[in-house]
């Protein structure tokens, strides 16, 4: 059976060699950089905003049990039903039980990363339910039977022509590569699904403890229809999504929009707190919240990396990561890609099998610098590498590192080795094909300088 590390190597190698694909992703990221830069300028003090957001999230994570209890008490008082899920299996079981009791058959779903995390679509389809993604990007990748490529832009790896070909094949529509026409095709298809759906599944960007409400921010309006039209509503919410007060949204909503897409504010910002009341004409008859742990409490117990639970899923760290730009989202083989995914996935799926993701980083620190809630991402990646070695030492790497440490701690031996390598570096057996092939097959071997700094220093007295 192929390991996650081997699959990662295979996929990333293929994508990295596809220059057209890489150019497409880089062009998209350049546009993002410009809009995000404009968005940051709209804040009086962006760094002060980051400090405030980090402080609020730190307070929540430090008292998570208190704020979760407050959130549950308030939202249950509004008529919602809360279900606690320790892991993915329990979360899927809750969803299936709710749908089964309600006699639902058709499900419409807005973008929800926790749903991807617990593979809810696969579970529902296996149980005989019809499930349709209502977010345009998610709808496109669902038709392609792919996972989302990015938190915010699920189909960013596809060209307009490819999407047009897909719609012609799957939806039997005339071919077009015009964005407006493609959007209208999806809109016509999805409107029927909204009308037919028995149940809607959504996520939550934030869960407000003070009022007992979930906040959803979006650009298409599909989440509003998902929450308003079906008679059953299910929200899949990670336990770390809680924030203390309603007024905190005044900071987090524009910060999420700026970091995610460069907007001042996303087009639709909604709050939901329960089923429709007697005098209301729309909204669900039943409103369910599934609060998902799925090893988040394991992250919570780690004081060193606990702040990774501050993440608001803006995707900014992916957008600036040089590794993500070159290998793309599908190479990671996990729900959460890029730097934050490389930190969280080993917790969620197991350190032994997924520690390789922490090595998919140059440790340049761009992710930490751009994170709106100031997660120390590049240091966490380094810490994960250390933790992986303590759990499962890499036997192949032991003797090279031991030799390197021995040599670096002995200046005379190091100096002798440099002089020898300076003479041998152009021999084919060393430089090109044999001894250093693991390095030179994907990068050039740096030229050893004609003289060392130590020699230069001695000559200058």
Foldseek 3Di string as FASTA:
>chain_A
DDFLLNLLVVLLVVLLPPVVLLVLLLVVLVVQVVLLVVLCVVDPDLVVLLQVLLVQLVVCLVVLVVLVVLLVVQLVVVVAAEAEDAALVRLLVVVVVVCVVLVWAEEEEEDDLVCVQSVNVVSNVVVRHHYAYLPPQVNQVVLVVHAAQALQRRNSSDALQVSQVSCCVRVVDDGDSDPVVSVVSSVVVVVVSLQPGQEYEYEALAQESNNNKGKDFAAPCRVVSSFKRHQYYEYEYESSRYGYHPCCCVSVQQLLCSLQRSDSGHDDMDIDRFADDPPDDIGHNHYYYYYYHLQLVVLSVDPVQVSLSSDSRSRNQLSPFPLCSSSTRVSSVHSHDHQSCQLCVCRNPNLQRRLVRLVSGPLPCPSQVSGSNRRSRSVSSVVSNVVNCVVPNDPVCVVVVVVVVVQVVPPVSVVVVLVVCLVCCPPCCRAPDHDCCVPPVVDHDDHRDPDDPVVVVVVVD
